[in-house]
């Protein structure tokens, strides 16, 4: 997945070395926010004519999948945190 090489991946790596469950949740939440930012950058690339609509659809699908995974990780960690 191309997105993992960005700050999304860096934050997921940071989460693996979290100092607490709350820190783990926070770092994964930051990764989720970074993935959402990636979507805005992809839309900007299309608007600037640097990326085709067909190419962005595939990338958006990957980012959406990554966001679902991160969301599931966060929800699971919150449930076990209580």
N, C-alpha and C. Protein backbone atom coordinates (compact mmCIF):
# COMPACT_ATOMS: atom_id res chain seq x y z
N UNK A 1 0.83 -1.17 0.00
CA UNK A 1 0.00 0.00 0.00
C UNK A 1 0.89 1.25 0.00
N UNK A 2 0.69 2.13 -0.93
CA UNK A 2 1.53 3.30 -1.09
C UNK A 2 1.45 4.25 0.10
N UNK A 3 0.30 4.32 0.71
CA UNK A 3 0.07 5.27 1.79
C UNK A 3 0.91 4.97 3.02
N UNK A 4 1.24 3.71 3.23
CA UNK A 4 1.96 3.31 4.43
C UNK A 4 3.33 3.95 4.51
N UNK A 5 3.87 4.40 3.39
CA UNK A 5 5.19 5.03 3.39
C UNK A 5 5.12 6.47 3.89
N UNK A 6 3.94 6.98 4.12
CA UNK A 6 3.78 8.36 4.57
C UNK A 6 3.74 8.42 6.09
N UNK A 7 3.27 9.53 6.62
CA UNK A 7 3.19 9.66 8.07
C UNK A 7 2.17 8.70 8.67
N UNK A 8 1.26 8.17 7.85
CA UNK A 8 0.34 7.15 8.35
C UNK A 8 1.16 5.97 8.86
N UNK A 9 2.05 5.49 8.03
CA UNK A 9 2.89 4.36 8.42
C UNK A 9 3.78 4.68 9.60
N UNK A 10 4.31 5.89 9.63
CA UNK A 10 5.17 6.29 10.74
C UNK A 10 4.40 6.29 12.06
N UNK A 11 3.16 6.76 12.03
CA UNK A 11 2.36 6.78 13.25
C UNK A 11 1.94 5.38 13.68
N UNK A 12 1.68 4.51 12.74
CA UNK A 12 1.36 3.11 13.08
C UNK A 12 2.58 2.47 13.73
N UNK A 13 3.76 2.73 13.20
CA UNK A 13 5.00 2.21 13.81
C UNK A 13 5.17 2.75 15.23
N UNK A 14 4.91 4.04 15.41
CA UNK A 14 4.99 4.64 16.74
C UNK A 14 4.03 3.96 17.71
N UNK A 15 2.84 3.63 17.21
CA UNK A 15 1.83 2.99 18.06
C UNK A 15 2.32 1.64 18.56
N UNK A 16 3.12 0.95 17.76
CA UNK A 16 3.63 -0.35 18.17
C UNK A 16 4.56 -0.24 19.38
N UNK A 17 5.12 0.93 19.59
CA UNK A 17 6.01 1.14 20.74
C UNK A 17 5.37 2.07 21.77
N UNK A 18 4.06 2.10 21.78
CA UNK A 18 3.34 3.00 22.70
C UNK A 18 3.67 2.68 24.15
N UNK A 19 3.63 3.71 24.97
CA UNK A 19 3.95 3.55 26.38
C UNK A 19 2.76 3.11 27.23
N UNK A 20 1.57 3.20 26.65
CA UNK A 20 0.36 2.80 27.36
C UNK A 20 -0.73 2.52 26.33
N UNK A 21 -1.82 1.95 26.79
CA UNK A 21 -2.96 1.69 25.90
C UNK A 21 -3.49 3.02 25.36
N UNK A 22 -3.56 4.04 26.21
CA UNK A 22 -4.04 5.35 25.76
C UNK A 22 -3.12 5.94 24.69
N UNK A 23 -1.83 5.77 24.87
CA UNK A 23 -0.85 6.24 23.88
C UNK A 23 -1.02 5.47 22.56
N UNK A 24 -1.26 4.16 22.65
CA UNK A 24 -1.49 3.33 21.48
C UNK A 24 -2.72 3.83 20.71
N UNK A 25 -3.79 4.09 21.43
CA UNK A 25 -5.02 4.59 20.81
C UNK A 25 -4.76 5.94 20.16
N UNK A 26 -4.09 6.82 20.87
CA UNK A 26 -3.83 8.16 20.34
C UNK A 26 -2.99 8.11 19.06
N UNK A 27 -1.95 7.32 19.05
CA UNK A 27 -1.08 7.25 17.87
C UNK A 27 -1.81 6.65 16.67
N UNK A 28 -2.66 5.66 16.90
CA UNK A 28 -3.45 5.11 15.81
C UNK A 28 -4.51 6.12 15.34
N UNK A 29 -5.04 6.91 16.26
CA UNK A 29 -5.99 7.95 15.87
C UNK A 29 -5.31 9.01 15.01
N UNK A 30 -4.09 9.36 15.34
CA UNK A 30 -3.32 10.31 14.52
C UNK A 30 -3.09 9.71 13.13
N UNK A 31 -2.78 8.42 13.07
CA UNK A 31 -2.61 7.76 11.77
C UNK A 31 -3.90 7.83 10.96
N UNK A 32 -5.04 7.64 11.61
CA UNK A 32 -6.33 7.74 10.94
C UNK A 32 -6.55 9.15 10.39
N UNK A 33 -6.22 10.15 11.18
CA UNK A 33 -6.35 11.54 10.72
C UNK A 33 -5.42 11.82 9.53
N UNK A 34 -4.23 11.26 9.57
CA UNK A 34 -3.29 11.44 8.46
C UNK A 34 -3.81 10.77 7.19
N UNK A 35 -4.48 9.64 7.34
CA UNK A 35 -5.07 8.97 6.18
C UNK A 35 -6.16 9.85 5.57
N UNK A 36 -6.95 10.49 6.42
CA UNK A 36 -7.98 11.41 5.92
C UNK A 36 -7.33 12.58 5.18
N UNK A 37 -6.21 13.05 5.69
CA UNK A 37 -5.49 14.13 5.01
C UNK A 37 -4.99 13.66 3.64
N UNK A 38 -4.56 12.41 3.58
CA UNK A 38 -4.11 11.85 2.31
C UNK A 38 -5.21 11.94 1.26
N UNK A 39 -6.45 11.67 1.66
CA UNK A 39 -7.57 11.79 0.72
C UNK A 39 -7.70 13.21 0.17
N UNK A 40 -7.49 14.20 1.02
CA UNK A 40 -7.60 15.59 0.54
C UNK A 40 -6.47 15.91 -0.44
N UNK A 41 -5.28 15.36 -0.19
CA UNK A 41 -4.17 15.58 -1.12
C UNK A 41 -4.44 14.91 -2.47
N UNK A 42 -5.05 13.73 -2.43
CA UNK A 42 -5.38 13.05 -3.68
C UNK A 42 -6.39 13.87 -4.48
N UNK A 43 -7.40 14.43 -3.80
CA UNK A 43 -8.38 15.28 -4.50
C UNK A 43 -7.71 16.52 -5.08
N UNK A 44 -6.75 17.05 -4.38
CA UNK A 44 -6.02 18.22 -4.87
C UNK A 44 -5.22 17.87 -6.13
N UNK A 45 -4.61 16.70 -6.14
CA UNK A 45 -3.87 16.26 -7.33
C UNK A 45 -4.78 16.12 -8.55
N UNK A 46 -5.99 15.65 -8.33
CA UNK A 46 -6.95 15.55 -9.44
C UNK A 46 -7.34 16.94 -9.90
N UNK A 47 -7.64 17.82 -8.96
CA UNK A 47 -8.04 19.20 -9.31
C UNK A 47 -6.95 19.92 -10.07
N UNK A 48 -5.70 19.61 -9.77
CA UNK A 48 -4.57 20.25 -10.45
C UNK A 48 -4.25 19.58 -11.79
N UNK A 49 -4.97 18.50 -12.09
CA UNK A 49 -4.74 17.80 -13.34
C UNK A 49 -3.50 16.91 -13.34
N UNK A 50 -2.99 16.61 -12.17
CA UNK A 50 -1.78 15.79 -12.07
C UNK A 50 -2.09 14.30 -11.88
N UNK A 51 -3.35 14.00 -11.63
CA UNK A 51 -3.76 12.62 -11.39
C UNK A 51 -5.13 12.43 -12.00
N UNK A 52 -5.31 11.33 -12.71
CA UNK A 52 -6.59 11.08 -13.38
C UNK A 52 -7.63 10.58 -12.37
N UNK A 53 -8.89 10.77 -12.74
CA UNK A 53 -9.99 10.30 -11.89
C UNK A 53 -9.92 8.78 -11.69
N UNK A 54 -9.55 8.06 -12.75
CA UNK A 54 -9.48 6.60 -12.63
C UNK A 54 -8.37 6.18 -11.67
N UNK A 55 -7.26 6.87 -11.69
CA UNK A 55 -6.14 6.54 -10.80
C UNK A 55 -6.49 6.88 -9.35
N UNK A 56 -7.18 7.98 -9.14
CA UNK A 56 -7.52 8.36 -7.77
C UNK A 56 -8.52 7.38 -7.17
N UNK A 57 -9.39 6.81 -7.99
CA UNK A 57 -10.37 5.86 -7.46
C UNK A 57 -9.67 4.67 -6.80
N UNK A 58 -8.65 4.15 -7.44
CA UNK A 58 -7.91 3.02 -6.87
C UNK A 58 -7.19 3.42 -5.59
N UNK A 59 -6.58 4.59 -5.60
CA UNK A 59 -5.87 5.05 -4.40
C UNK A 59 -6.84 5.36 -3.26
N UNK A 60 -7.97 5.97 -3.59
CA UNK A 60 -8.97 6.26 -2.56
C UNK A 60 -9.47 4.96 -1.93
N UNK A 61 -9.63 3.94 -2.74
CA UNK A 61 -10.08 2.65 -2.23
C UNK A 61 -9.08 2.10 -1.22
N UNK A 62 -7.80 2.22 -1.52
CA UNK A 62 -6.76 1.75 -0.60
C UNK A 62 -6.77 2.55 0.70
N UNK A 63 -6.91 3.87 0.57
CA UNK A 63 -6.94 4.72 1.77
C UNK A 63 -8.18 4.42 2.59
N UNK A 64 -9.32 4.23 1.93
CA UNK A 64 -10.56 3.89 2.65
C UNK A 64 -10.40 2.58 3.42
N UNK A 65 -9.78 1.59 2.80
CA UNK A 65 -9.55 0.31 3.46
C UNK A 65 -8.64 0.49 4.68
N UNK A 66 -7.59 1.25 4.51
CA UNK A 66 -6.67 1.52 5.61
C UNK A 66 -7.39 2.24 6.75
N UNK A 67 -8.26 3.18 6.42
CA UNK A 67 -9.01 3.90 7.44
C UNK A 67 -9.95 2.96 8.21
N UNK A 68 -10.56 2.01 7.52
CA UNK A 68 -11.43 1.04 8.19
C UNK A 68 -10.61 0.16 9.14
N UNK A 69 -9.43 -0.24 8.72
CA UNK A 69 -8.57 -1.06 9.58
C UNK A 69 -8.16 -0.27 10.81
N UNK A 70 -7.72 0.96 10.60
CA UNK A 70 -7.31 1.80 11.74
C UNK A 70 -8.48 2.05 12.68
N UNK A 71 -9.65 2.30 12.12
CA UNK A 71 -10.84 2.51 12.95
C UNK A 71 -11.15 1.28 13.79
N UNK A 72 -11.03 0.10 13.20
CA UNK A 72 -11.29 -1.13 13.94
C UNK A 72 -10.26 -1.33 15.05
N UNK A 73 -9.01 -1.00 14.77
CA UNK A 73 -7.96 -1.11 15.79
C UNK A 73 -8.27 -0.19 16.96
N UNK A 74 -8.65 1.04 16.65
CA UNK A 74 -8.96 2.02 17.70
C UNK A 74 -10.15 1.56 18.53
N UNK A 75 -11.24 1.13 17.87
CA UNK A 75 -12.43 0.68 18.60
C UNK A 75 -12.12 -0.52 19.49
N UNK A 76 -11.35 -1.45 18.96
CA UNK A 76 -10.99 -2.64 19.73
C UNK A 76 -10.15 -2.25 20.95
N UNK A 77 -9.21 -1.36 20.75
CA UNK A 77 -8.34 -0.93 21.86
C UNK A 77 -9.15 -0.17 22.90
N UNK A 78 -10.12 0.62 22.47
CA UNK A 78 -10.96 1.35 23.44
C UNK A 78 -11.83 0.40 24.25
N UNK A 79 -12.34 -0.66 23.61
CA UNK A 79 -13.17 -1.62 24.33
C UNK A 79 -12.37 -2.35 25.39
N UNK A 80 -11.14 -2.70 25.10
CA UNK A 80 -10.33 -3.43 26.06
C UNK A 80 -9.71 -2.48 27.08
N UNK A 81 -9.78 -1.17 26.81
CA UNK A 81 -9.20 -0.16 27.69
C UNK A 81 -10.09 0.08 28.90
N UNK A 82 -11.37 -0.17 28.77
CA UNK A 82 -12.33 0.14 29.84
C UNK A 82 -12.32 -0.86 30.94
